[in-house]
Amino acid sequence: DQIDVDEFHVAGNSMGGAVALKIASDHP
């Protein structure tokens, strides 16, 4: 939001993968 990115790709490794899943699940 701060850098004005409305849509984006997301990649996460290990714990970061769970974070990526949470973002995609909450805001597909």
mmCIF file of all heavy atoms, coordinates in Angstrom:
data_MODEL
# 
_entry.id   MODEL 
# 
loop_
_atom_site.group_PDB 
_atom_site.id 
_atom_site.type_symbol 
_atom_site.label_atom_id 
_atom_site.label_alt_id 
_atom_site.label_comp_id 
_atom_site.label_asym_id 
_atom_site.label_entity_id 
_atom_site.label_seq_id 
_atom_site.pdbx_PDB_ins_code 
_atom_site.Cartn_x 
_atom_site.Cartn_y 
_atom_site.Cartn_z 
_atom_site.occupancy 
_atom_site.B_iso_or_equiv 
_atom_site.pdbx_formal_charge 
_atom_site.auth_seq_id 
_atom_site.auth_comp_id 
_atom_site.auth_asym_id 
_atom_site.auth_atom_id 
_atom_site.pdbx_PDB_model_num 
ATOM 1   N N   . ASP A 1 1  ? 0.822  -1.207  0.000   1.00 0.00 ? 1  ASP A N   1 
ATOM 2   C CA  . ASP A 1 1  ? 0.000  0.000   0.000   1.00 0.00 ? 1  ASP A CA  1 
ATOM 3   C C   . ASP A 1 1  ? 0.859  1.261   0.000   1.00 0.00 ? 1  ASP A C   1 
ATOM 4   O O   . ASP A 1 1  ? 0.566  2.235   -0.705  1.00 0.00 ? 1  ASP A O   1 
ATOM 5   C CB  . ASP A 1 1  ? -0.929 0.006   1.219   1.00 0.00 ? 1  ASP A CB  1 
ATOM 6   C CG  . ASP A 1 1  ? -2.018 -1.057  1.135   1.00 0.00 ? 1  ASP A CG  1 
ATOM 7   O OD1 . ASP A 1 1  ? -2.281 -1.544  0.016   1.00 0.00 ? 1  ASP A OD1 1 
ATOM 8   O OD2 . ASP A 1 1  ? -2.593 -1.405  2.182   1.00 0.00 ? 1  ASP A OD2 1 
ATOM 9   N N   . GLN A 1 2  ? 1.926  1.251   0.787   1.00 0.00 ? 2  GLN A N   1 
ATOM 10  C CA  . GLN A 1 2  ? 2.779  2.440   0.885   1.00 0.00 ? 2  GLN A CA  1 
ATOM 11  C C   . GLN A 1 2  ? 3.480  2.752   -0.427  1.00 0.00 ? 2  GLN A C   1 
ATOM 12  O O   . GLN A 1 2  ? 3.714  3.923   -0.741  1.00 0.00 ? 2  GLN A O   1 
ATOM 13  C CB  . GLN A 1 2  ? 3.812  2.267   2.001   1.00 0.00 ? 2  GLN A CB  1 
ATOM 14  C CG  . GLN A 1 2  ? 3.246  2.408   3.397   1.00 0.00 ? 2  GLN A CG  1 
ATOM 15  C CD  . GLN A 1 2  ? 4.325  2.724   4.418   1.00 0.00 ? 2  GLN A CD  1 
ATOM 16  O OE1 . GLN A 1 2  ? 5.312  3.381   4.123   1.00 0.00 ? 2  GLN A OE1 1 
ATOM 17  N NE2 . GLN A 1 2  ? 4.134  2.255   5.637   1.00 0.00 ? 2  GLN A NE2 1 
ATOM 18  N N   . ILE A 1 3  ? 3.827  1.730   -1.191  1.00 0.00 ? 3  ILE A N   1 
ATOM 19  C CA  . ILE A 1 3  ? 4.527  1.990   -2.451  1.00 0.00 ? 3  ILE A CA  1 
ATOM 20  C C   . ILE A 1 3  ? 3.577  1.902   -3.655  1.00 0.00 ? 3  ILE A C   1 
ATOM 21  O O   . ILE A 1 3  ? 4.009  1.827   -4.805  1.00 0.00 ? 3  ILE A O   1 
ATOM 22  C CB  . ILE A 1 3  ? 5.721  1.031   -2.643  1.00 0.00 ? 3  ILE A CB  1 
ATOM 23  C CG1 . ILE A 1 3  ? 5.273  -0.431  -2.690  1.00 0.00 ? 3  ILE A CG1 1 
ATOM 24  C CG2 . ILE A 1 3  ? 6.749  1.229   -1.527  1.00 0.00 ? 3  ILE A CG2 1 
ATOM 25  C CD1 . ILE A 1 3  ? 6.424  -1.411  -2.932  1.00 0.00 ? 3  ILE A CD1 1 
ATOM 26  N N   . ASP A 1 4  ? 2.260  1.941   -3.367  1.00 0.00 ? 4  ASP A N   1 
ATOM 27  C CA  . ASP A 1 4  ? 1.212  2.007   -4.395  1.00 0.00 ? 4  ASP A CA  1 
ATOM 28  C C   . ASP A 1 4  ? 1.240  0.823   -5.355  1.00 0.00 ? 4  ASP A C   1 
ATOM 29  O O   . ASP A 1 4  ? 1.169  0.988   -6.583  1.00 0.00 ? 4  ASP A O   1 
ATOM 30  C CB  . ASP A 1 4  ? 1.322  3.321   -5.186  1.00 0.00 ? 4  ASP A CB  1 
ATOM 31  C CG  . ASP A 1 4  ? 1.043  4.535   -4.313  1.00 0.00 ? 4  ASP A CG  1 
ATOM 32  O OD1 . ASP A 1 4  ? 0.151  4.451   -3.451  1.00 0.00 ? 4  ASP A OD1 1 
ATOM 33  O OD2 . ASP A 1 4  ? 1.735  5.564   -4.483  1.00 0.00 ? 4  ASP A OD2 1 
ATOM 34  N N   . VAL A 1 5  ? 1.340  -0.369  -4.812  1.00 0.00 ? 5  VAL A N   1 
ATOM 35  C CA  . VAL A 1 5  ? 1.259  -1.588  -5.612  1.00 0.00 ? 5  VAL A CA  1 
ATOM 36  C C   . VAL A 1 5  ? -0.057 -2.284  -5.273  1.00 0.00 ? 5  VAL A C   1 
ATOM 37  O O   . VAL A 1 5  ? -0.232 -2.807  -4.174  1.00 0.00 ? 5  VAL A O   1 
ATOM 38  C CB  . VAL A 1 5  ? 2.450  -2.529  -5.329  1.00 0.00 ? 5  VAL A CB  1 
ATOM 39  C CG1 . VAL A 1 5  ? 2.266  -3.861  -6.054  1.00 0.00 ? 5  VAL A CG1 1 
ATOM 40  C CG2 . VAL A 1 5  ? 3.766  -1.878  -5.755  1.00 0.00 ? 5  VAL A CG2 1 
ATOM 41  N N   . ASP A 1 6  ? -0.998 -2.254  -6.199  1.00 0.00 ? 6  ASP A N   1 
ATOM 42  C CA  . ASP A 1 6  ? -2.319 -2.837  -5.942  1.00 0.00 ? 6  ASP A CA  1 
ATOM 43  C C   . ASP A 1 6  ? -2.338 -4.346  -6.168  1.00 0.00 ? 6  ASP A C   1 
ATOM 44  O O   . ASP A 1 6  ? -2.932 -5.091  -5.394  1.00 0.00 ? 6  ASP A O   1 
ATOM 45  C CB  . ASP A 1 6  ? -3.365 -2.173  -6.842  1.00 0.00 ? 6  ASP A CB  1 
ATOM 46  C CG  . ASP A 1 6  ? -3.581 -0.703  -6.494  1.00 0.00 ? 6  ASP A CG  1 
ATOM 47  O OD1 . ASP A 1 6  ? -3.480 -0.363  -5.298  1.00 0.00 ? 6  ASP A OD1 1 
ATOM 48  O OD2 . ASP A 1 6  ? -3.822 0.092   -7.421  1.00 0.00 ? 6  ASP A OD2 1 
ATOM 49  N N   . GLU A 1 7  ? -1.695 -4.778  -7.256  1.00 0.00 ? 7  GLU A N   1 
ATOM 50  C CA  . GLU A 1 7  ? -1.647 -6.200  -7.592  1.00 0.00 ? 7  GLU A CA  1 
ATOM 51  C C   . GLU A 1 7  ? -0.191 -6.624  -7.738  1.00 0.00 ? 7  GLU A C   1 
ATOM 52  O O   . GLU A 1 7  ? 0.655  -5.837  -8.170  1.00 0.00 ? 7  GLU A O   1 
ATOM 53  C CB  . GLU A 1 7  ? -2.396 -6.483  -8.898  1.00 0.00 ? 7  GLU A CB  1 
ATOM 54  C CG  . GLU A 1 7  ? -3.889 -6.212  -8.814  1.00 0.00 ? 7  GLU A CG  1 
ATOM 55  C CD  . GLU A 1 7  ? -4.577 -6.525  -10.128 1.00 0.00 ? 7  GLU A CD  1 
ATOM 56  O OE1 . GLU A 1 7  ? -4.009 -6.187  -11.196 1.00 0.00 ? 7  GLU A OE1 1 
ATOM 57  O OE2 . GLU A 1 7  ? -5.669 -7.106  -10.101 1.00 0.00 ? 7  GLU A OE2 1 
ATOM 58  N N   . PHE A 1 8  ? 0.082  -7.874  -7.418  1.00 0.00 ? 8  PHE A N   1 
ATOM 59  C CA  . PHE A 1 8  ? 1.471  -8.317  -7.438  1.00 0.00 ? 8  PHE A CA  1 
ATOM 60  C C   . PHE A 1 8  ? 1.541  -9.841  -7.479  1.00 0.00 ? 8  PHE A C   1 
ATOM 61  O O   . PHE A 1 8  ? 0.603  -10.548 -7.112  1.00 0.00 ? 8  PHE A O   1 
ATOM 62  C CB  . PHE A 1 8  ? 2.213  -7.800  -6.198  1.00 0.00 ? 8  PHE A CB  1 
ATOM 63  C CG  . PHE A 1 8  ? 1.469  -8.005  -4.898  1.00 0.00 ? 8  PHE A CG  1 
ATOM 64  C CD1 . PHE A 1 8  ? 1.542  -9.220  -4.223  1.00 0.00 ? 8  PHE A CD1 1 
ATOM 65  C CD2 . PHE A 1 8  ? 0.672  -6.998  -4.378  1.00 0.00 ? 8  PHE A CD2 1 
ATOM 66  C CE1 . PHE A 1 8  ? 0.855  -9.417  -3.038  1.00 0.00 ? 8  PHE A CE1 1 
ATOM 67  C CE2 . PHE A 1 8  ? -0.032 -7.191  -3.195  1.00 0.00 ? 8  PHE A CE2 1 
ATOM 68  C CZ  . PHE A 1 8  ? 0.056  -8.402  -2.518  1.00 0.00 ? 8  PHE A CZ  1 
ATOM 69  N N   . HIS A 1 9  ? 2.694  -10.323 -7.931  1.00 0.00 ? 9  HIS A N   1 
ATOM 70  C CA  . HIS A 1 9  ? 3.051  -11.725 -7.786  1.00 0.00 ? 9  HIS A CA  1 
ATOM 71  C C   . HIS A 1 9  ? 3.706  -11.877 -6.415  1.00 0.00 ? 9  HIS A C   1 
ATOM 72  O O   . HIS A 1 9  ? 4.274  -10.924 -5.876  1.00 0.00 ? 9  HIS A O   1 
ATOM 73  C CB  . HIS A 1 9  ? 4.042  -12.151 -8.875  1.00 0.00 ? 9  HIS A CB  1 
ATOM 74  C CG  . HIS A 1 9  ? 3.572  -11.860 -10.267 1.00 0.00 ? 9  HIS A CG  1 
ATOM 75  N ND1 . HIS A 1 9  ? 2.784  -12.738 -10.990 1.00 0.00 ? 9  HIS A ND1 1 
ATOM 76  C CD2 . HIS A 1 9  ? 3.784  -10.780 -11.080 1.00 0.00 ? 9  HIS A CD2 1 
ATOM 77  C CE1 . HIS A 1 9  ? 2.529  -12.219 -12.179 1.00 0.00 ? 9  HIS A CE1 1 
ATOM 78  N NE2 . HIS A 1 9  ? 3.125  -11.029 -12.269 1.00 0.00 ? 9  HIS A NE2 1 
ATOM 79  N N   . VAL A 1 10 ? 3.659  -13.074 -5.861  1.00 0.00 ? 10 VAL A N   1 
ATOM 80  C CA  . VAL A 1 10 ? 4.310  -13.290 -4.565  1.00 0.00 ? 10 VAL A CA  1 
ATOM 81  C C   . VAL A 1 10 ? 4.962  -14.667 -4.541  1.00 0.00 ? 10 VAL A C   1 
ATOM 82  O O   . VAL A 1 10 ? 4.390  -15.655 -5.007  1.00 0.00 ? 10 VAL A O   1 
ATOM 83  C CB  . VAL A 1 10 ? 3.314  -13.108 -3.392  1.00 0.00 ? 10 VAL A CB  1 
ATOM 84  C CG1 . VAL A 1 10 ? 2.165  -14.106 -3.479  1.00 0.00 ? 10 VAL A CG1 1 
ATOM 85  C CG2 . VAL A 1 10 ? 4.015  -13.214 -2.048  1.00 0.00 ? 10 VAL A CG2 1 
ATOM 86  N N   . ALA A 1 11 ? 6.206  -14.683 -4.049  1.00 0.00 ? 11 ALA A N   1 
ATOM 87  C CA  . ALA A 1 11 ? 6.945  -15.938 -3.908  1.00 0.00 ? 11 ALA A CA  1 
ATOM 88  C C   . ALA A 1 11 ? 7.492  -16.011 -2.493  1.00 0.00 ? 11 ALA A C   1 
ATOM 89  O O   . ALA A 1 11 ? 7.957  -14.998 -1.944  1.00 0.00 ? 11 ALA A O   1 
ATOM 90  C CB  . ALA A 1 11 ? 8.089  -16.016 -4.923  1.00 0.00 ? 11 ALA A CB  1 
ATOM 91  N N   . GLY A 1 12 ? 7.424  -17.178 -1.879  1.00 0.00 ? 12 GLY A N   1 
ATOM 92  C CA  . GLY A 1 12 ? 7.913  -17.319 -0.515  1.00 0.00 ? 12 GLY A CA  1 
ATOM 93  C C   . GLY A 1 12 ? 8.576  -18.657 -0.294  1.00 0.00 ? 12 GLY A C   1 
ATOM 94  O O   . GLY A 1 12 ? 8.142  -19.676 -0.838  1.00 0.00 ? 12 GLY A O   1 
ATOM 95  N N   . ASN A 1 13 ? 9.641  -18.633 0.501   1.00 0.00 ? 13 ASN A N   1 
ATOM 96  C CA  . ASN A 1 13 ? 10.371 -19.849 0.845   1.00 0.00 ? 13 ASN A CA  1 
ATOM 97  C C   . ASN A 1 13 ? 10.165 -20.186 2.310   1.00 0.00 ? 13 ASN A C   1 
ATOM 98  O O   . ASN A 1 13 ? 10.219 -19.297 3.165   1.00 0.00 ? 13 ASN A O   1 
ATOM 99  C CB  . ASN A 1 13 ? 11.867 -19.662 0.566   1.00 0.00 ? 13 ASN A CB  1 
ATOM 100 C CG  . ASN A 1 13 ? 12.733 -20.778 1.125   1.00 0.00 ? 13 ASN A CG  1 
ATOM 101 O OD1 . ASN A 1 13 ? 13.574 -20.563 1.977   1.00 0.00 ? 13 ASN A OD1 1 
ATOM 102 N ND2 . ASN A 1 13 ? 12.510 -21.993 0.651   1.00 0.00 ? 13 ASN A ND2 1 
ATOM 103 N N   . SER A 1 14 ? 9.915  -21.465 2.612   1.00 0.00 ? 14 SER A N   1 
ATOM 104 C CA  . SER A 1 14 ? 9.819  -21.949 3.991   1.00 0.00 ? 14 SER A CA  1 
ATOM 105 C C   . SER A 1 14 ? 8.742  -21.164 4.751   1.00 0.00 ? 14 SER A C   1 
ATOM 106 O O   . SER A 1 14 ? 7.593  -21.115 4.323   1.00 0.00 ? 14 SER A O   1 
ATOM 107 C CB  . SER A 1 14 ? 11.193 -21.844 4.656   1.00 0.00 ? 14 SER A CB  1 
ATOM 108 O OG  . SER A 1 14 ? 11.233 -22.547 5.875   1.00 0.00 ? 14 SER A OG  1 
ATOM 109 N N   . MET A 1 15 ? 9.091  -20.537 5.875   1.00 0.00 ? 15 MET A N   1 
ATOM 110 C CA  . MET A 1 15 ? 8.136  -19.706 6.606   1.00 0.00 ? 15 MET A CA  1 
ATOM 111 C C   . MET A 1 15 ? 7.542  -18.637 5.695   1.00 0.00 ? 15 MET A C   1 
ATOM 112 O O   . MET A 1 15 ? 6.348  -18.314 5.774   1.00 0.00 ? 15 MET A O   1 
ATOM 113 C CB  . MET A 1 15 ? 8.822  -19.055 7.801   1.00 0.00 ? 15 MET A CB  1 
ATOM 114 C CG  . MET A 1 15 ? 7.960  -18.087 8.585   1.00 0.00 ? 15 MET A CG  1 
ATOM 115 S SD  . MET A 1 15 ? 8.912  -17.153 9.812   1.00 0.00 ? 15 MET A SD  1 
ATOM 116 C CE  . MET A 1 15 ? 9.857  -16.049 8.743   1.00 0.00 ? 15 MET A CE  1 
ATOM 117 N N   . GLY A 1 16 ? 8.380  -18.089 4.803   1.00 0.00 ? 16 GLY A N   1 
ATOM 118 C CA  . GLY A 1 16 ? 7.890  -17.086 3.854   1.00 0.00 ? 16 GLY A CA  1 
ATOM 119 C C   . GLY A 1 16 ? 6.836  -17.632 2.915   1.00 0.00 ? 16 GLY A C   1 
ATOM 120 O O   . GLY A 1 16 ? 5.987  -16.888 2.423   1.00 0.00 ? 16 GLY A O   1 
ATOM 121 N N   . GLY A 1 17 ? 6.878  -18.941 2.661   1.00 0.00 ? 17 GLY A N   1 
ATOM 122 C CA  . GLY A 1 17 ? 5.837  -19.559 1.857   1.00 0.00 ? 17 GLY A CA  1 
ATOM 123 C C   . GLY A 1 17 ? 4.493  -19.542 2.561   1.00 0.00 ? 17 GLY A C   1 
ATOM 124 O O   . GLY A 1 17 ? 3.446  -19.336 1.936   1.00 0.00 ? 17 GLY A O   1 
ATOM 125 N N   . ALA A 1 18 ? 4.520  -19.769 3.871   1.00 0.00 ? 18 ALA A N   1 
ATOM 126 C CA  . ALA A 1 18 ? 3.281  -19.690 4.648   1.00 0.00 ? 18 ALA A CA  1 
ATOM 127 C C   . ALA A 1 18 ? 2.741  -18.260 4.643   1.00 0.00 ? 18 ALA A C   1 
ATOM 128 O O   . ALA A 1 18 ? 1.525  -18.042 4.571   1.00 0.00 ? 18 ALA A O   1 
ATOM 129 C CB  . ALA A 1 18 ? 3.529  -20.160 6.081   1.00 0.00 ? 18 ALA A CB  1 
ATOM 130 N N   . VAL A 1 19 ? 3.635  -17.277 4.711   1.00 0.00 ? 19 VAL A N   1 
ATOM 131 C CA  . VAL A 1 19 ? 3.216  -15.868 4.642   1.00 0.00 ? 19 VAL A CA  1 
ATOM 132 C C   . VAL A 1 19 ? 2.583  -15.587 3.284   1.00 0.00 ? 19 VAL A C   1 
ATOM 133 O O   . VAL A 1 19 ? 1.530  -14.936 3.194   1.00 0.00 ? 19 VAL A O   1 
ATOM 134 C CB  . VAL A 1 19 ? 4.414  -14.930 4.890   1.00 0.00 ? 19 VAL A CB  1 
ATOM 135 C CG1 . VAL A 1 19 ? 3.986  -13.470 4.743   1.00 0.00 ? 19 VAL A CG1 1 
ATOM 136 C CG2 . VAL A 1 19 ? 5.018  -15.169 6.278   1.00 0.00 ? 19 VAL A CG2 1 
ATOM 137 N N   . ALA A 1 20 ? 3.214  -16.091 2.214   1.00 0.00 ? 20 ALA A N   1 
ATOM 138 C CA  . ALA A 1 20 ? 2.658  -15.900 0.875   1.00 0.00 ? 20 ALA A CA  1 
ATOM 139 C C   . ALA A 1 20 ? 1.271  -16.545 0.755   1.00 0.00 ? 20 ALA A C   1 
ATOM 140 O O   . ALA A 1 20 ? 0.354  -15.972 0.166   1.00 0.00 ? 20 ALA A O   1 
ATOM 141 C CB  . ALA A 1 20 ? 3.613  -16.491 -0.168  1.00 0.00 ? 20 ALA A CB  1 
ATOM 142 N N   . LEU A 1 21 ? 1.116  -17.734 1.323   1.00 0.00 ? 21 LEU A N   1 
ATOM 143 C CA  . LEU A 1 21 ? -0.190 -18.402 1.325   1.00 0.00 ? 21 LEU A CA  1 
ATOM 144 C C   . LEU A 1 21 ? -1.238 -17.570 2.056   1.00 0.00 ? 21 LEU A C   1 
ATOM 145 O O   . LEU A 1 21 ? -2.385 -17.454 1.594   1.00 0.00 ? 21 LEU A O   1 
ATOM 146 C CB  . LEU A 1 21 ? -0.074 -19.772 2.005   1.00 0.00 ? 21 LEU A CB  1 
ATOM 147 C CG  . LEU A 1 21 ? 0.415  -20.939 1.168   1.00 0.00 ? 21 LEU A CG  1 
ATOM 148 C CD1 . LEU A 1 21 ? 0.776  -22.122 2.061   1.00 0.00 ? 21 LEU A CD1 1 
ATOM 149 C CD2 . LEU A 1 21 ? -0.647 -21.353 0.150   1.00 0.00 ? 21 LEU A CD2 1 
ATOM 150 N N   . LYS A 1 22 ? -0.849 -16.994 3.179   1.00 0.00 ? 22 LYS A N   1 
ATOM 151 C CA  . LYS A 1 22 ? -1.787 -16.187 3.968   1.00 0.00 ? 22 LYS A CA  1 
ATOM 152 C C   . LYS A 1 22 ? -2.227 -14.949 3.191   1.00 0.00 ? 22 LYS A C   1 
ATOM 153 O O   . LYS A 1 22 ? -3.413 -14.603 3.182   1.00 0.00 ? 22 LYS A O   1 
ATOM 154 C CB  . LYS A 1 22 ? -1.122 -15.789 5.287   1.00 0.00 ? 22 LYS A CB  1 
ATOM 155 C CG  . LYS A 1 22 ? -2.017 -14.975 6.232   1.00 0.00 ? 22 LYS A CG  1 
ATOM 156 C CD  . LYS A 1 22 ? -3.211 -15.770 6.692   1.00 0.00 ? 22 LYS A CD  1 
ATOM 157 C CE  . LYS A 1 22 ? -4.026 -14.989 7.731   1.00 0.00 ? 22 LYS A CE  1 
ATOM 158 N NZ  . LYS A 1 22 ? -5.347 -15.638 7.995   1.00 0.00 ? 22 LYS A NZ  1 
ATOM 159 N N   . ILE A 1 23 ? -1.282 -14.293 2.536   1.00 0.00 ? 23 ILE A N   1 
ATOM 160 C CA  . ILE A 1 23 ? -1.621 -13.120 1.723   1.00 0.00 ? 23 ILE A CA  1 
ATOM 161 C C   . ILE A 1 23 ? -2.590 -13.510 0.612   1.00 0.00 ? 23 ILE A C   1 
ATOM 162 O O   . ILE A 1 23 ? -3.616 -12.851 0.389   1.00 0.00 ? 23 ILE A O   1 
ATOM 163 C CB  . ILE A 1 23 ? -0.344 -12.500 1.124   1.00 0.00 ? 23 ILE A CB  1 
ATOM 164 C CG1 . ILE A 1 23 ? 0.549  -11.916 2.219   1.00 0.00 ? 23 ILE A CG1 1 
ATOM 165 C CG2 . ILE A 1 23 ? -0.687 -11.424 0.092   1.00 0.00 ? 23 ILE A CG2 1 
ATOM 166 C CD1 . ILE A 1 23 ? 1.932  -11.507 1.738   1.00 0.00 ? 23 ILE A CD1 1 
ATOM 167 N N   . ALA A 1 24 ? -2.279 -14.601 -0.111  1.00 0.00 ? 24 ALA A N   1 
ATOM 168 C CA  . ALA A 1 24 ? -3.115 -15.028 -1.238  1.00 0.00 ? 24 ALA A CA  1 
ATOM 169 C C   . ALA A 1 24 ? -4.487 -15.506 -0.789  1.00 0.00 ? 24 ALA A C   1 
ATOM 170 O O   . ALA A 1 24 ? -5.484 -15.312 -1.488  1.00 0.00 ? 24 ALA A O   1 
ATOM 171 C CB  . ALA A 1 24 ? -2.396 -16.133 -2.012  1.00 0.00 ? 24 ALA A CB  1 
ATOM 172 N N   . SER A 1 25 ? -4.535 -16.132 0.387   1.00 0.00 ? 25 SER A N   1 
ATOM 173 C CA  . SER A 1 25 ? -5.801 -16.619 0.918   1.00 0.00 ? 25 SER A CA  1 
ATOM 174 C C   . SER A 1 25 ? -6.696 -15.463 1.365   1.00 0.00 ? 25 SER A C   1 
ATOM 175 O O   . SER A 1 25 ? -7.909 -15.469 1.113   1.00 0.00 ? 25 SER A O   1 
ATOM 176 C CB  . SER A 1 25 ? -5.541 -17.562 2.100   1.00 0.00 ? 25 SER A CB  1 
ATOM 177 O OG  . SER A 1 25 ? -6.729 -17.905 2.770   1.00 0.00 ? 25 SER A OG  1 
ATOM 178 N N   . ASP A 1 26 ? -6.107 -14.472 2.026   1.00 0.00 ? 26 ASP A N   1 
ATOM 179 C CA  . ASP A 1 26 ? -6.896 -13.346 2.542   1.00 0.00 ? 26 ASP A CA  1 
ATOM 180 C C   . ASP A 1 26 ? -7.254 -12.326 1.468   1.00 0.00 ? 26 ASP A C   1 
ATOM 181 O O   . ASP A 1 26 ? -8.304 -11.682 1.540   1.00 0.00 ? 26 ASP A O   1 
ATOM 182 C CB  . ASP A 1 26 ? -6.128 -12.640 3.664   1.00 0.00 ? 26 ASP A CB  1 
ATOM 183 C CG  . ASP A 1 26 ? -6.034 -13.473 4.929   1.00 0.00 ? 26 ASP A CG  1 
ATOM 184 O OD1 . ASP A 1 26 ? -6.676 -14.546 4.978   1.00 0.00 ? 26 ASP A OD1 1 
ATOM 185 O OD2 . ASP A 1 26 ? -5.316 -13.064 5.863   1.00 0.00 ? 26 ASP A OD2 1 
ATOM 186 N N   . HIS A 1 27 ? -6.367 -12.168 0.467   1.00 0.00 ? 27 HIS A N   1 
ATOM 187 C CA  . HIS A 1 27 ? -6.587 -11.143 -0.565  1.00 0.00 ? 27 HIS A CA  1 
ATOM 188 C C   . HIS A 1 27 ? -6.281 -11.707 -1.950  1.00 0.00 ? 27 HIS A C   1 
ATOM 189 O O   . HIS A 1 27 ? -5.363 -11.232 -2.641  1.00 0.00 ? 27 HIS A O   1 
ATOM 190 C CB  . HIS A 1 27 ? -5.714 -9.917  -0.287  1.00 0.00 ? 27 HIS A CB  1 
ATOM 191 C CG  . HIS A 1 27 ? -6.080 -9.217  0.971   1.00 0.00 ? 27 HIS A CG  1 
ATOM 192 N ND1 . HIS A 1 27 ? -7.114 -8.313  1.055   1.00 0.00 ? 27 HIS A ND1 1 
ATOM 193 C CD2 . HIS A 1 27 ? -5.551 -9.318  2.221   1.00 0.00 ? 27 HIS A CD2 1 
ATOM 194 C CE1 . HIS A 1 27 ? -7.207 -7.861  2.301   1.00 0.00 ? 27 HIS A CE1 1 
ATOM 195 N NE2 . HIS A 1 27 ? -6.279 -8.456  3.028   1.00 0.00 ? 27 HIS A NE2 1 
ATOM 196 N N   . PRO A 1 28 ? -7.032 -12.703 -2.399  1.00 0.00 ? 28 PRO A N   1 
ATOM 197 C CA  . PRO A 1 28 ? -6.768 -13.299 -3.719  1.00 0.00 ? 28 PRO A CA  1 
ATOM 198 C C   . PRO A 1 28 ? -6.925 -12.300 -4.858  1.00 0.00 ? 28 PRO A C   1 
ATOM 199 O O   . PRO A 1 28 ? -6.300 -12.474 -5.918  1.00 0.00 ? 28 PRO A O   1 
ATOM 200 C CB  . PRO A 1 28 ? -7.795 -14.437 -3.811  1.00 0.00 ? 28 PRO A CB  1 
ATOM 201 C CG  . PRO A 1 28 ? -8.870 -14.057 -2.845  1.00 0.00 ? 28 PRO A CG  1 
ATOM 202 C CD  . PRO A 1 28 ? -8.186 -13.339 -1.730  1.00 0.00 ? 28 PRO A CD  1 
# 
